[in-house]
Amino acid sequence: LAALTGPQDFISEMVGVYRERRDLVVDMLNRAPGLTCHKPEGAFYVFPSIHGCIGKTTAGGARVTDDESFVVALLEEKGVAAVHGAAFMYPGHFRISYATDTESLREGCTRIQQFCQGMR
């Protein structure tokens, strides 16, 4: 009940914070070679497309054949955890949440950029 009747002034502030985080993640992922990331309208996560990475080999020697092989290699090589899109009936994509602090998002997206830049 307190959530409905208590102070609501923090809501607009948090909407702005999450909007900034969303925009940061979308911008950084769109600068990663092989990824395309659309801006979500009402979620705390994005589903970047990995179609430009399919068929490539990572710097660590893993072959990217689908979204699952992409996220496994991303975790093993860069320590970034993501969920493969096929788990959500969205193959060829992966899911990243932006419901965390901005610095962690920046670091994670930088690692994803490096991961994609290292593909051949």
PDB file of N, CA and C in Angstrom:
ATOM      1  N   LEU A   1       0.817  -1.191   0.000  1.00  0.00           N
ATOM      2  CA  LEU A   1       0.000   0.000   0.000  1.00  0.00           C
ATOM      3  C   LEU A   1       0.867   1.263   0.000  1.00  0.00           C
ATOM      4  N   ALA A   2       1.982   1.214   0.721  1.00  0.00           N
ATOM      5  CA  ALA A   2       2.867   2.380   0.792  1.00  0.00           C
ATOM      6  C   ALA A   2       3.413   2.745  -0.580  1.00  0.00           C
ATOM      7  N   ALA A   3       3.604   1.754  -1.439  1.00  0.00           N
ATOM      8  CA  ALA A   3       4.107   2.033  -2.788  1.00  0.00           C
ATOM      9  C   ALA A   3       3.119   2.868  -3.585  1.00  0.00           C
ATOM     10  N   LEU A   4       1.851   2.742  -3.278  1.00  0.00           N
ATOM     11  CA  LEU A   4       0.825   3.497  -4.003  1.00  0.00           C
ATOM     12  C   LEU A   4       0.504   4.830  -3.349  1.00  0.00           C
ATOM     13  N   THR A   5       0.602   4.889  -2.032  1.00  0.00           N
ATOM     14  CA  THR A   5       0.196   6.106  -1.330  1.00  0.00           C
ATOM     15  C   THR A   5       1.366   6.965  -0.869  1.00  0.00           C
ATOM     16  N   GLY A   6       2.574   6.417  -0.884  1.00  0.00           N
ATOM     17  CA  GLY A   6       3.749   7.150  -0.419  1.00  0.00           C
ATOM     18  C   GLY A   6       4.256   8.143  -1.451  1.00  0.00           C
ATOM     19  N   PRO A   7       5.375   8.796  -1.154  1.00  0.00           N
ATOM     20  CA  PRO A   7       5.965   9.771  -2.080  1.00  0.00           C
ATOM     21  C   PRO A   7       6.282   9.138  -3.441  1.00  0.00           C
ATOM     22  N   GLN A   8       6.036   9.884  -4.497  1.00  0.00           N
ATOM     23  CA  GLN A   8       6.240   9.392  -5.859  1.00  0.00           C
ATOM     24  C   GLN A   8       7.281  10.210  -6.625  1.00  0.00           C
ATOM     25  N   ASP A   9       7.891  11.196  -5.978  1.00  0.00           N
ATOM     26  CA  ASP A   9       8.798  12.106  -6.670  1.00  0.00           C
ATOM     27  C   ASP A   9      10.052  11.423  -7.214  1.00  0.00           C
ATOM     28  N   PHE A  10      10.441  10.288  -6.667  1.00  0.00           N
ATOM     29  CA  PHE A  10      11.629   9.580  -7.139  1.00  0.00           C
ATOM     30  C   PHE A  10      11.410   8.923  -8.503  1.00  0.00           C
ATOM     31  N   ILE A  11      10.171   8.718  -8.879  1.00  0.00           N
ATOM     32  CA  ILE A  11       9.876   7.975 -10.110  1.00  0.00           C
ATOM     33  C   ILE A  11      10.436   8.679 -11.338  1.00  0.00           C
ATOM     34  N   SER A  12      10.188   9.961 -11.482  1.00  0.00           N
ATOM     35  CA  SER A  12      10.679  10.670 -12.671  1.00  0.00           C
ATOM     36  C   SER A  12      12.206  10.685 -12.703  1.00  0.00           C
ATOM     37  N   GLU A  13      12.830  10.769 -11.537  1.00  0.00           N
ATOM     38  CA  GLU A  13      14.293  10.729 -11.484  1.00  0.00           C
ATOM     39  C   GLU A  13      14.809   9.373 -11.970  1.00  0.00           C
ATOM     40  N   MET A  14      14.205   8.291 -11.512  1.00  0.00           N
ATOM     41  CA  MET A  14      14.647   6.951 -11.906  1.00  0.00           C
ATOM     42  C   MET A  14      14.353   6.673 -13.377  1.00  0.00           C
ATOM     43  N   VAL A  15      13.259   7.195 -13.888  1.00  0.00           N
ATOM     44  CA  VAL A  15      12.971   7.046 -15.321  1.00  0.00           C
ATOM     45  C   VAL A  15      14.105   7.669 -16.126  1.00  0.00           C
ATOM     46  N   GLY A  16      14.562   8.844 -15.710  1.00  0.00           N
ATOM     47  CA  GLY A  16      15.676   9.504 -16.391  1.00  0.00           C
ATOM     48  C   GLY A  16      16.969   8.710 -16.293  1.00  0.00           C
ATOM     49  N   VAL A  17      17.237   8.133 -15.132  1.00  0.00           N
ATOM     50  CA  VAL A  17      18.451   7.329 -14.935  1.00  0.00           C
ATOM     51  C   VAL A  17      18.432   6.117 -15.858  1.00  0.00           C
ATOM     52  N   TYR A  18      17.305   5.412 -15.900  1.00  0.00           N
ATOM     53  CA  TYR A  18      17.223   4.224 -16.757  1.00  0.00           C
ATOM     54  C   TYR A  18      17.231   4.586 -18.235  1.00  0.00           C
ATOM     55  N   ARG A  19      16.691   5.728 -18.584  1.00  0.00           N
ATOM     56  CA  ARG A  19      16.756   6.183 -19.978  1.00  0.00           C
ATOM     57  C   ARG A  19      18.212   6.420 -20.381  1.00  0.00           C
ATOM     58  N   GLU A  20      18.985   7.060 -19.521  1.00  0.00           N
ATOM     59  CA  GLU A  20      20.408   7.295 -19.801  1.00  0.00           C
ATOM     60  C   GLU A  20      21.175   5.985 -19.925  1.00  0.00           C
ATOM     61  N   ARG A  21      20.891   5.043 -19.050  1.00  0.00           N
ATOM     62  CA  ARG A  21      21.563   3.737 -19.113  1.00  0.00           C
ATOM     63  C   ARG A  21      21.202   3.002 -20.398  1.00  0.00           C
ATOM     64  N   ARG A  22      19.928   3.030 -20.748  1.00  0.00           N
ATOM     65  CA  ARG A  22      19.485   2.392 -21.992  1.00  0.00           C
ATOM     66  C   ARG A  22      20.201   3.004 -23.179  1.00  0.00           C
ATOM     67  N   ASP A  23      20.229   4.321 -23.240  1.00  0.00           N
ATOM     68  CA  ASP A  23      20.860   5.002 -24.372  1.00  0.00           C
ATOM     69  C   ASP A  23      22.358   4.703 -24.448  1.00  0.00           C
ATOM     70  N   LEU A  24      23.020   4.627 -23.300  1.00  0.00           N
ATOM     71  CA  LEU A  24      24.446   4.286 -23.259  1.00  0.00           C
ATOM     72  C   LEU A  24      24.677   2.895 -23.840  1.00  0.00           C
ATOM     73  N   VAL A  25      23.906   1.920 -23.381  1.00  0.00           N
ATOM     74  CA  VAL A  25      24.072   0.539 -23.831  1.00  0.00           C
ATOM     75  C   VAL A  25      23.788   0.419 -25.324  1.00  0.00           C
ATOM     76  N   VAL A  26      22.692   1.001 -25.782  1.00  0.00           N
ATOM     77  CA  VAL A  26      22.339   0.926 -27.209  1.00  0.00           C
ATOM     78  C   VAL A  26      23.434   1.559 -28.056  1.00  0.00           C
ATOM     79  N   ASP A  27      23.909   2.730 -27.662  1.00  0.00           N
ATOM     80  CA  ASP A  27      24.956   3.417 -28.418  1.00  0.00           C
ATOM     81  C   ASP A  27      26.241   2.596 -28.461  1.00  0.00           C
ATOM     82  N   MET A  28      26.666   2.089 -27.319  1.00  0.00           N
ATOM     83  CA  MET A  28      27.925   1.338 -27.282  1.00  0.00           C
ATOM     84  C   MET A  28      27.825   0.025 -28.058  1.00  0.00           C
ATOM     85  N   LEU A  29      26.707  -0.663 -27.960  1.00  0.00           N
ATOM     86  CA  LEU A  29      26.563  -1.926 -28.686  1.00  0.00           C
ATOM     87  C   LEU A  29      26.464  -1.693 -30.187  1.00  0.00           C
ATOM     88  N   ASN A  30      25.858  -0.597 -30.597  1.00  0.00           N
ATOM     89  CA  ASN A  30      25.787  -0.293 -32.029  1.00  0.00           C
ATOM     90  C   ASN A  30      27.154   0.057 -32.607  1.00  0.00           C
ATOM     91  N   ARG A  31      28.120   0.383 -31.749  1.00  0.00           N
ATOM     92  CA  ARG A  31      29.480   0.654 -32.215  1.00  0.00           C
ATOM     93  C   ARG A  31      30.355  -0.600 -32.231  1.00  0.00           C
ATOM     94  N   ALA A  32      29.795  -1.723 -31.808  1.00  0.00           N
ATOM     95  CA  ALA A  32      30.533  -2.993 -31.836  1.00  0.00           C
ATOM     96  C   ALA A  32      30.360  -3.624 -33.214  1.00  0.00           C
ATOM     97  N   PRO A  33      31.457  -3.973 -33.893  1.00  0.00           N
ATOM     98  CA  PRO A  33      31.354  -4.571 -35.230  1.00  0.00           C
ATOM     99  C   PRO A  33      30.503  -5.845 -35.214  1.00  0.00           C
ATOM    100  N   GLY A  34      29.547  -5.909 -36.124  1.00  0.00           N
ATOM    101  CA  GLY A  34      28.712  -7.094 -36.259  1.00  0.00           C
ATOM    102  C   GLY A  34      27.431  -7.079 -35.456  1.00  0.00           C
ATOM    103  N   LEU A  35      27.272  -6.098 -34.559  1.00  0.00           N
ATOM    104  CA  LEU A  35      26.062  -6.019 -33.745  1.00  0.00           C
ATOM    105  C   LEU A  35      25.152  -4.903 -34.228  1.00  0.00           C
ATOM    106  N   THR A  36      23.859  -5.116 -34.070  1.00  0.00           N
ATOM    107  CA  THR A  36      22.848  -4.091 -34.312  1.00  0.00           C
ATOM    108  C   THR A  36      21.910  -4.116 -33.121  1.00  0.00           C
ATOM    109  N   CYS A  37      21.713  -2.965 -32.489  1.00  0.00           N
ATOM    110  CA  CYS A  37      20.891  -2.917 -31.281  1.00  0.00           C
ATOM    111  C   CYS A  37      19.824  -1.838 -31.416  1.00  0.00           C
ATOM    112  N   HIS A  38      18.571  -2.257 -31.352  1.00  0.00           N
ATOM    113  CA  HIS A  38      17.459  -1.313 -31.401  1.00  0.00           C
ATOM    114  C   HIS A  38      17.126  -0.842 -29.987  1.00  0.00           C
ATOM    115  N   LYS A  39      16.589   0.346 -29.883  1.00  0.00           N
ATOM    116  CA  LYS A  39      16.258   0.934 -28.594  1.00  0.00           C
ATOM    117  C   LYS A  39      14.906   0.400 -28.109  1.00  0.00           C
ATOM    118  N   PRO A  40      14.878  -0.273 -26.954  1.00  0.00           N
ATOM    119  CA  PRO A  40      13.599  -0.750 -26.424  1.00  0.00           C
ATOM    120  C   PRO A  40      12.784   0.412 -25.866  1.00  0.00           C
ATOM    121  N   GLU A  41      11.492   0.251 -25.868  1.00  0.00           N
ATOM    122  CA  GLU A  41      10.617   1.318 -25.381  1.00  0.00           C
ATOM    123  C   GLU A  41      10.216   1.149 -23.916  1.00  0.00           C
ATOM    124  N   GLY A  42      10.149  -0.092 -23.435  1.00  0.00           N
ATOM    125  CA  GLY A  42       9.640  -0.246 -22.073  1.00  0.00           C
ATOM    126  C   GLY A  42      10.187  -1.445 -21.336  1.00  0.00           C
ATOM    127  N   ALA A  43      11.455  -1.726 -21.469  1.00  0.00           N
ATOM    128  CA  ALA A  43      12.047  -2.876 -20.787  1.00  0.00           C
ATOM    129  C   ALA A  43      13.365  -2.458 -20.154  1.00  0.00           C
ATOM    130  N   PHE A  44      13.914  -3.333 -19.330  1.00  0.00           N
ATOM    131  CA  PHE A  44      15.209  -3.076 -18.699  1.00  0.00           C
ATOM    132  C   PHE A  44      16.305  -3.900 -19.359  1.00  0.00           C
ATOM    133  N   TYR A  45      16.100  -4.288 -20.599  1.00  0.00           N
ATOM    134  CA  TYR A  45      17.083  -5.077 -21.319  1.00  0.00           C
ATOM    135  C   TYR A  45      16.999  -4.785 -22.806  1.00  0.00           C
ATOM    136  N   VAL A  46      18.085  -5.125 -23.499  1.00  0.00           N
ATOM    137  CA  VAL A  46      18.147  -4.977 -24.955  1.00  0.00           C
ATOM    138  C   VAL A  46      18.430  -6.347 -25.562  1.00  0.00           C
ATOM    139  N   PHE A  47      18.072  -6.503 -26.828  1.00  0.00           N
ATOM    140  CA  PHE A  47      18.305  -7.739 -27.579  1.00  0.00           C
ATOM    141  C   PHE A  47      19.108  -7.423 -28.836  1.00  0.00           C
ATOM    142  N   PRO A  48      20.421  -7.212 -28.728  1.00  0.00           N
ATOM    143  CA  PRO A  48      21.219  -6.921 -29.924  1.00  0.00           C
ATOM    144  C   PRO A  48      21.258  -8.117 -30.878  1.00  0.00           C
ATOM    145  N   SER A  49      21.242  -7.814 -32.160  1.00  0.00           N
ATOM    146  CA  SER A  49      21.400  -8.834 -33.192  1.00  0.00           C
ATOM    147  C   SER A  49      22.882  -9.131 -33.365  1.00  0.00           C
ATOM    148  N   ILE A  50      23.209 -10.418 -33.518  1.00  0.00           N
ATOM    149  CA  ILE A  50      24.598 -10.824 -33.748  1.00  0.00           C
ATOM    150  C   ILE A  50      24.806 -11.291 -35.184  1.00  0.00           C
ATOM    151  N   HIS A  51      23.866 -11.009 -36.059  1.00  0.00           N
ATOM    152  CA  HIS A  51      23.932 -11.548 -37.417  1.00  0.00           C
ATOM    153  C   HIS A  51      25.236 -11.209 -38.134  1.00  0.00           C
ATOM    154  N   GLY A  52      25.840 -10.069 -37.832  1.00  0.00           N
ATOM    155  CA  GLY A  52      27.112  -9.709 -38.446  1.00  0.00           C
ATOM    156  C   GLY A  52      28.305 -10.463 -37.881  1.00  0.00           C
ATOM    157  N   CYS A  53      28.084 -11.255 -36.836  1.00  0.00           N
ATOM    158  CA  CYS A  53      29.165 -12.035 -36.209  1.00  0.00           C
ATOM    159  C   CYS A  53      29.104 -13.514 -36.581  1.00  0.00           C
ATOM    160  N   ILE A  54      27.972 -13.962 -37.090  1.00  0.00           N
ATOM    161  CA  ILE A  54      27.802 -15.377 -37.428  1.00  0.00           C
ATOM    162  C   ILE A  54      28.845 -15.776 -38.480  1.00  0.00           C
ATOM    163  N   GLY A  55      29.494 -16.905 -38.241  1.00  0.00           N
ATOM    164  CA  GLY A  55      30.498 -17.410 -39.173  1.00  0.00           C
ATOM    165  C   GLY A  55      31.901 -16.913 -38.898  1.00  0.00           C
ATOM    166  N   LYS A  56      32.048 -16.013 -37.935  1.00  0.00           N
ATOM    167  CA  LYS A  56      33.377 -15.487 -37.609  1.00  0.00           C
ATOM    168  C   LYS A  56      34.006 -16.293 -36.477  1.00  0.00           C
ATOM    169  N   THR A  57      35.300 -16.081 -36.302  1.00  0.00           N
ATOM    170  CA  THR A  57      36.052 -16.739 -35.237  1.00  0.00           C
ATOM    171  C   THR A  57      36.538 -15.673 -34.266  1.00  0.00           C
ATOM    172  N   THR A  58      36.374 -15.935 -32.976  1.00  0.00           N
ATOM    173  CA  THR A  58      36.780 -14.976 -31.956  1.00  0.00           C
ATOM    174  C   THR A  58      38.296 -14.979 -31.791  1.00  0.00           C
ATOM    175  N   ALA A  59      38.799 -13.978 -31.085  1.00  0.00           N
ATOM    176  CA  ALA A  59      40.240 -13.898 -30.815  1.00  0.00           C
ATOM    177  C   ALA A  59      40.725 -15.123 -30.046  1.00  0.00           C
ATOM    178  N   GLY A  60      39.836 -15.730 -29.270  1.00  0.00           N
ATOM    179  CA  GLY A  60      40.190 -16.925 -28.511  1.00  0.00           C
ATOM    180  C   GLY A  60      40.046 -18.222 -29.291  1.00  0.00           C
ATOM    181  N   GLY A  61      39.637 -18.117 -30.560  1.00  0.00           N
ATOM    182  CA  GLY A  61      39.550 -19.289 -31.420  1.00  0.00           C
ATOM    183  C   GLY A  61      38.198 -19.967 -31.492  1.00  0.00           C
ATOM    184  N   ALA A  62      37.184 -19.400 -30.860  1.00  0.00           N
ATOM    185  CA  ALA A  62      35.844 -19.994 -30.906  1.00  0.00           C
ATOM    186  C   ALA A  62      35.123 -19.570 -32.183  1.00  0.00           C
ATOM    187  N   ARG A  63      34.435 -20.491 -32.787  1.00  0.00           N
ATOM    188  CA  ARG A  63      33.653 -20.201 -33.998  1.00  0.00           C
ATOM    189  C   ARG A  63      32.244 -19.798 -33.571  1.00  0.00           C
ATOM    190  N   VAL A  64      31.778 -18.641 -34.049  1.00  0.00           N
ATOM    191  CA  VAL A  64      30.428 -18.172 -33.738  1.00  0.00           C
ATOM    192  C   VAL A  64      29.475 -18.743 -34.782  1.00  0.00           C
ATOM    193  N   THR A  65      28.666 -19.696 -34.346  1.00  0.00           N
ATOM    194  CA  THR A  65      27.715 -20.340 -35.253  1.00  0.00           C
ATOM    195  C   THR A  65      26.281 -19.913 -34.991  1.00  0.00           C
ATOM    196  N   ASP A  66      26.032 -19.418 -33.784  1.00  0.00           N
ATOM    197  CA  ASP A  66      24.686 -18.989 -33.402  1.00  0.00           C
ATOM    198  C   ASP A  66      24.781 -18.145 -32.134  1.00  0.00           C
ATOM    199  N   ASP A  67      23.626 -17.728 -31.611  1.00  0.00           N
ATOM    200  CA  ASP A  67      23.618 -16.867 -30.437  1.00  0.00           C
ATOM    201  C   ASP A  67      24.156 -17.577 -29.191  1.00  0.00           C
ATOM    202  N   GLU A  68      23.950 -18.876 -29.089  1.00  0.00           N
ATOM    203  CA  GLU A  68      24.471 -19.595 -27.926  1.00  0.00           C
ATOM    204  C   GLU A  68      25.998 -19.650 -27.945  1.00  0.00           C
ATOM    205  N   SER A  69      26.586 -19.954 -29.090  1.00  0.00           N
ATOM    206  CA  SER A  69      28.053 -19.985 -29.162  1.00  0.00           C
ATOM    207  C   SER A  69      28.638 -18.590 -28.920  1.00  0.00           C
ATOM    208  N   PHE A  70      27.921 -17.555 -29.334  1.00  0.00           N
ATOM    209  CA  PHE A  70      28.357 -16.175 -29.102  1.00  0.00           C
ATOM    210  C   PHE A  70      28.440 -15.885 -27.606  1.00  0.00           C
ATOM    211  N   VAL A  71      27.349 -16.166 -26.851  1.00  0.00           N
ATOM    212  CA  VAL A  71      27.348 -15.816 -25.427  1.00  0.00           C
ATOM    213  C   VAL A  71      28.305 -16.691 -24.618  1.00  0.00           C
ATOM    214  N   VAL A  72      28.495 -17.940 -25.020  1.00  0.00           N
ATOM    215  CA  VAL A  72      29.456 -18.803 -24.322  1.00  0.00           C
ATOM    216  C   VAL A  72      30.870 -18.245 -24.497  1.00  0.00           C
ATOM    217  N   ALA A  73      31.232 -17.890 -25.719  1.00  0.00           N
ATOM    218  CA  ALA A  73      32.561 -17.330 -25.978  1.00  0.00           C
ATOM    219  C   ALA A  73      32.728 -15.976 -25.295  1.00  0.00           C
ATOM    220  N   LEU A  74      31.681 -15.161 -25.291  1.00  0.00           N
ATOM    221  CA  LEU A  74      31.734 -13.857 -24.628  1.00  0.00           C
ATOM    222  C   LEU A  74      32.023 -14.027 -23.139  1.00  0.00           C
ATOM    223  N   LEU A  75      31.383 -14.980 -22.509  1.00  0.00           N
ATOM    224  CA  LEU A  75      31.619 -15.239 -21.091  1.00  0.00           C
ATOM    225  C   LEU A  75      33.030 -15.775 -20.858  1.00  0.00           C
ATOM    226  N   GLU A  76      33.438 -16.746 -21.656  1.00  0.00           N
ATOM    227  CA  GLU A  76      34.750 -17.362 -21.465  1.00  0.00           C
ATOM    228  C   GLU A  76      35.907 -16.415 -21.773  1.00  0.00           C
ATOM    229  N   GLU A  77      35.743 -15.583 -22.796  1.00  0.00           N
ATOM    230  CA  GLU A  77      36.853 -14.730 -23.227  1.00  0.00           C
ATOM    231  C   GLU A  77      36.876 -13.355 -22.576  1.00  0.00           C
ATOM    232  N   LYS A  78      35.697 -12.820 -22.245  1.00  0.00           N
ATOM    233  CA  LYS A  78      35.647 -11.453 -21.712  1.00  0.00           C
ATOM    234  C   LYS A  78      34.970 -11.338 -20.352  1.00  0.00           C
ATOM    235  N   GLY A  79      34.437 -12.451 -19.833  1.00  0.00           N
ATOM    236  CA  GLY A  79      33.814 -12.411 -18.516  1.00  0.00           C
ATOM    237  C   GLY A  79      32.498 -11.662 -18.470  1.00  0.00           C
ATOM    238  N   VAL A  80      31.822 -11.554 -19.607  1.00  0.00           N
ATOM    239  CA  VAL A  80      30.533 -10.858 -19.675  1.00  0.00           C
ATOM    240  C   VAL A  80      29.428 -11.898 -19.825  1.00  0.00           C
ATOM    241  N   ALA A  81      28.502 -11.903 -18.886  1.00  0.00           N
ATOM    242  CA  ALA A  81      27.389 -12.847 -18.925  1.00  0.00           C
ATOM    243  C   ALA A  81      26.212 -12.238 -19.673  1.00  0.00           C
ATOM    244  N   ALA A  82      25.683 -13.005 -20.603  1.00  0.00           N
ATOM    245  CA  ALA A  82      24.496 -12.610 -21.366  1.00  0.00           C
ATOM    246  C   ALA A  82      23.689 -13.876 -21.615  1.00  0.00           C
ATOM    247  N   VAL A  83      22.445 -13.706 -21.984  1.00  0.00           N
ATOM    248  CA  VAL A  83      21.580 -14.848 -22.272  1.00  0.00           C
ATOM    249  C   VAL A  83      21.347 -14.911 -23.771  1.00  0.00           C
ATOM    250  N   HIS A  84      21.490 -16.096 -24.343  1.00  0.00           N
ATOM    251  CA  HIS A  84      21.276 -16.229 -25.788  1.00  0.00           C
ATOM    252  C   HIS A  84      19.798 -16.015 -26.109  1.00  0.00           C
ATOM    253  N   GLY A  85      19.561 -15.374 -27.233  1.00  0.00           N
ATOM    254  CA  GLY A  85      18.208 -14.993 -27.612  1.00  0.00           C
ATOM    255  C   GLY A  85      17.268 -16.153 -27.852  1.00  0.00           C
ATOM    256  N   ALA A  86      17.797 -17.300 -28.271  1.00  0.00           N
ATOM    257  CA  ALA A  86      16.938 -18.459 -28.528  1.00  0.00           C
ATOM    258  C   ALA A  86      16.181 -18.868 -27.270  1.00  0.00           C
ATOM    259  N   ALA A  87      16.721 -18.573 -26.091  1.00  0.00           N
ATOM    260  CA  ALA A  87      16.030 -18.877 -24.834  1.00  0.00           C
ATOM    261  C   ALA A  87      14.733 -18.080 -24.712  1.00  0.00           C
ATOM    262  N   PHE A  88      14.608 -17.013 -25.487  1.00  0.00           N
ATOM    263  CA  PHE A  88      13.418 -16.160 -25.484  1.00  0.00           C
ATOM    264  C   PHE A  88      12.699 -16.209 -26.828  1.00  0.00           C
ATOM    265  N   MET A  89      12.995 -17.270 -27.603  1.00  0.00           N
ATOM    266  CA  MET A  89      12.413 -17.418 -28.941  1.00  0.00           C
ATOM    267  C   MET A  89      12.861 -16.287 -29.860  1.00  0.00           C
ATOM    268  N   TYR A  90      14.113 -15.821 -29.670  1.00  0.00           N
ATOM    269  CA  TYR A  90      14.661 -14.716 -30.445  1.00  0.00           C
ATOM    270  C   TYR A  90      16.072 -15.085 -30.907  1.00  0.00           C
ATOM    271  N   PRO A  91      16.190 -16.133 -31.738  1.00  0.00           N
ATOM    272  CA  PRO A  91      17.519 -16.580 -32.168  1.00  0.00           C
ATOM    273  C   PRO A  91      18.258 -15.501 -32.956  1.00  0.00           C
ATOM    274  N   GLY A  92      19.582 -15.576 -32.910  1.00  0.00           N
ATOM    275  CA  GLY A  92      20.399 -14.594 -33.616  1.00  0.00           C
ATOM    276  C   GLY A  92      20.583 -13.304 -32.836  1.00  0.00           C
ATOM    277  N   HIS A  93      20.170 -13.322 -31.567  1.00  0.00           N
ATOM    278  CA  HIS A  93      20.270 -12.155 -30.689  1.00  0.00           C
ATOM    279  C   HIS A  93      20.765 -12.618 -29.320  1.00  0.00           C
ATOM    280  N   PHE A  94      21.115 -11.678 -28.470  1.00  0.00           N
ATOM    281  CA  PHE A  94      21.399 -11.995 -27.072  1.00  0.00           C
ATOM    282  C   PHE A  94      20.791 -10.908 -26.210  1.00  0.00           C
ATOM    283  N   ARG A  95      20.589 -11.231 -24.945  1.00  0.00           N
ATOM    284  CA  ARG A  95      19.917 -10.300 -24.040  1.00  0.00           C
ATOM    285  C   ARG A  95      20.889  -9.784 -22.992  1.00  0.00           C
ATOM    286  N   ILE A  96      20.898  -8.472 -22.834  1.00  0.00           N
ATOM    287  CA  ILE A  96      21.696  -7.797 -21.804  1.00  0.00           C
ATOM    288  C   ILE A  96      20.755  -6.879 -21.022  1.00  0.00           C
ATOM    289  N   SER A  97      20.798  -6.964 -19.708  1.00  0.00           N
ATOM    290  CA  SER A  97      19.993  -6.088 -18.861  1.00  0.00           C
ATOM    291  C   SER A  97      20.772  -4.805 -18.575  1.00  0.00           C
ATOM    292  N   TYR A  98      20.057  -3.687 -18.527  1.00  0.00           N
ATOM    293  CA  TYR A  98      20.716  -2.446 -18.124  1.00  0.00           C
ATOM    294  C   TYR A  98      20.193  -1.962 -16.771  1.00  0.00           C
ATOM    295  N   ALA A  99      19.690  -2.899 -15.963  1.00  0.00           N
ATOM    296  CA  ALA A  99      19.204  -2.581 -14.621  1.00  0.00           C
ATOM    297  C   ALA A  99      20.333  -2.765 -13.602  1.00  0.00           C
ATOM    298  N   THR A 100      21.444  -2.104 -13.861  1.00  0.00           N
ATOM    299  CA  THR A 100      22.587  -2.115 -12.946  1.00  0.00           C
ATOM    300  C   THR A 100      23.271  -0.753 -13.038  1.00  0.00           C
ATOM    301  N   ASP A 101      24.345  -0.576 -12.328  1.00  0.00           N
ATOM    302  CA  ASP A 101      24.989   0.737 -12.297  1.00  0.00           C
ATOM    303  C   ASP A 101      25.668   1.073 -13.630  1.00  0.00           C
ATOM    304  N   THR A 102      25.768   2.347 -13.894  1.00  0.00           N
ATOM    305  CA  THR A 102      26.277   2.844 -15.171  1.00  0.00           C
ATOM    306  C   THR A 102      27.714   2.409 -15.434  1.00  0.00           C
ATOM    307  N   GLU A 103      28.563   2.422 -14.431  1.00  0.00           N
ATOM    308  CA  GLU A 103      29.963   2.045 -14.651  1.00  0.00           C
ATOM    309  C   GLU A 103      30.093   0.578 -15.044  1.00  0.00           C
ATOM    310  N   SER A 104      29.312  -0.291 -14.431  1.00  0.00           N
ATOM    311  CA  SER A 104      29.332  -1.712 -14.818  1.00  0.00           C
ATOM    312  C   SER A 104      28.848  -1.889 -16.250  1.00  0.00           C
ATOM    313  N   LEU A 105      27.832  -1.125 -16.629  1.00  0.00           N
ATOM    314  CA  LEU A 105      27.328  -1.188 -18.003  1.00  0.00           C
ATOM    315  C   LEU A 105      28.395  -0.730 -18.992  1.00  0.00           C
ATOM    316  N   ARG A 106      29.056   0.360 -18.671  1.00  0.00           N
ATOM    317  CA  ARG A 106      30.106   0.885 -19.549  1.00  0.00           C
ATOM    318  C   ARG A 106      31.233  -0.145 -19.706  1.00  0.00           C
ATOM    319  N   GLU A 107      31.642  -0.750 -18.609  1.00  0.00           N
ATOM    320  CA  GLU A 107      32.707  -1.756 -18.646  1.00  0.00           C
ATOM    321  C   GLU A 107      32.273  -2.983 -19.443  1.00  0.00           C
ATOM    322  N   GLY A 108      31.069  -3.460 -19.200  1.00  0.00           N
ATOM    323  CA  GLY A 108      30.578  -4.625 -19.933  1.00  0.00           C
ATOM    324  C   GLY A 108      30.466  -4.367 -21.421  1.00  0.00           C
ATOM    325  N   CYS A 109      29.948  -3.204 -21.789  1.00  0.00           N
ATOM    326  CA  CYS A 109      29.807  -2.867 -23.213  1.00  0.00           C
ATOM    327  C   CYS A 109      31.167  -2.673 -23.878  1.00  0.00           C
ATOM    328  N   THR A 110      32.128  -2.127 -23.135  1.00  0.00           N
ATOM    329  CA  THR A 110      33.489  -1.996 -23.668  1.00  0.00           C
ATOM    330  C   THR A 110      34.072  -3.374 -23.956  1.00  0.00           C
ATOM    331  N   ARG A 111      33.853  -4.314 -23.058  1.00  0.00           N
ATOM    332  CA  ARG A 111      34.342  -5.682 -23.274  1.00  0.00           C
ATOM    333  C   ARG A 111      33.650  -6.335 -24.474  1.00  0.00           C
ATOM    334  N   ILE A 112      32.354  -6.074 -24.633  1.00  0.00           N
ATOM    335  CA  ILE A 112      31.638  -6.619 -25.794  1.00  0.00           C
ATOM    336  C   ILE A 112      32.202  -6.023 -27.079  1.00  0.00           C
ATOM    337  N   GLN A 113      32.477  -4.722 -27.082  1.00  0.00           N
ATOM    338  CA  GLN A 113      33.089  -4.090 -28.255  1.00  0.00           C
ATOM    339  C   GLN A 113      34.429  -4.742 -28.573  1.00  0.00           C
ATOM    340  N   GLN A 114      35.265  -4.938 -27.559  1.00  0.00           N
ATOM    341  CA  GLN A 114      36.575  -5.568 -27.763  1.00  0.00           C
ATOM    342  C   GLN A 114      36.418  -6.990 -28.298  1.00  0.00           C
ATOM    343  N   PHE A 115      35.463  -7.714 -27.761  1.00  0.00           N
ATOM    344  CA  PHE A 115      35.185  -9.082 -28.203  1.00  0.00           C
ATOM    345  C   PHE A 115      34.844  -9.097 -29.693  1.00  0.00           C
ATOM    346  N   CYS A 116      33.958  -8.208 -30.103  1.00  0.00           N
ATOM    347  CA  CYS A 116      33.548  -8.155 -31.512  1.00  0.00           C
ATOM    348  C   CYS A 116      34.678  -7.657 -32.412  1.00  0.00           C
ATOM    349  N   GLN A 117      35.461  -6.705 -31.926  1.00  0.00           N
ATOM    350  CA  GLN A 117      36.587  -6.193 -32.716  1.00  0.00           C
ATOM    351  C   GLN A 117      37.637  -7.262 -32.963  1.00  0.00           C
ATOM    352  N   GLY A 118      37.730  -8.235 -32.061  1.00  0.00           N
ATOM    353  CA  GLY A 118      38.723  -9.293 -32.196  1.00  0.00           C
ATOM    354  C   GLY A 118      38.315 -10.425 -33.121  1.00  0.00           C
ATOM    355  N   MET A 119      37.101 -10.368 -33.646  1.00  0.00           N
ATOM    356  CA  MET A 119      36.631 -11.456 -34.522  1.00  0.00           C
ATOM    357  C   MET A 119      37.209 -11.335 -35.918  1.00  0.00           C
ATOM    358  N   ARG A 120      37.457 -12.483 -36.516  1.00  0.00           N
ATOM    359  CA  ARG A 120      37.953 -12.549 -37.896  1.00  0.00           C
ATOM    360  C   ARG A 120      37.147 -13.554 -38.673  1.00  0.00           C
TER     361      ARG A 120
END
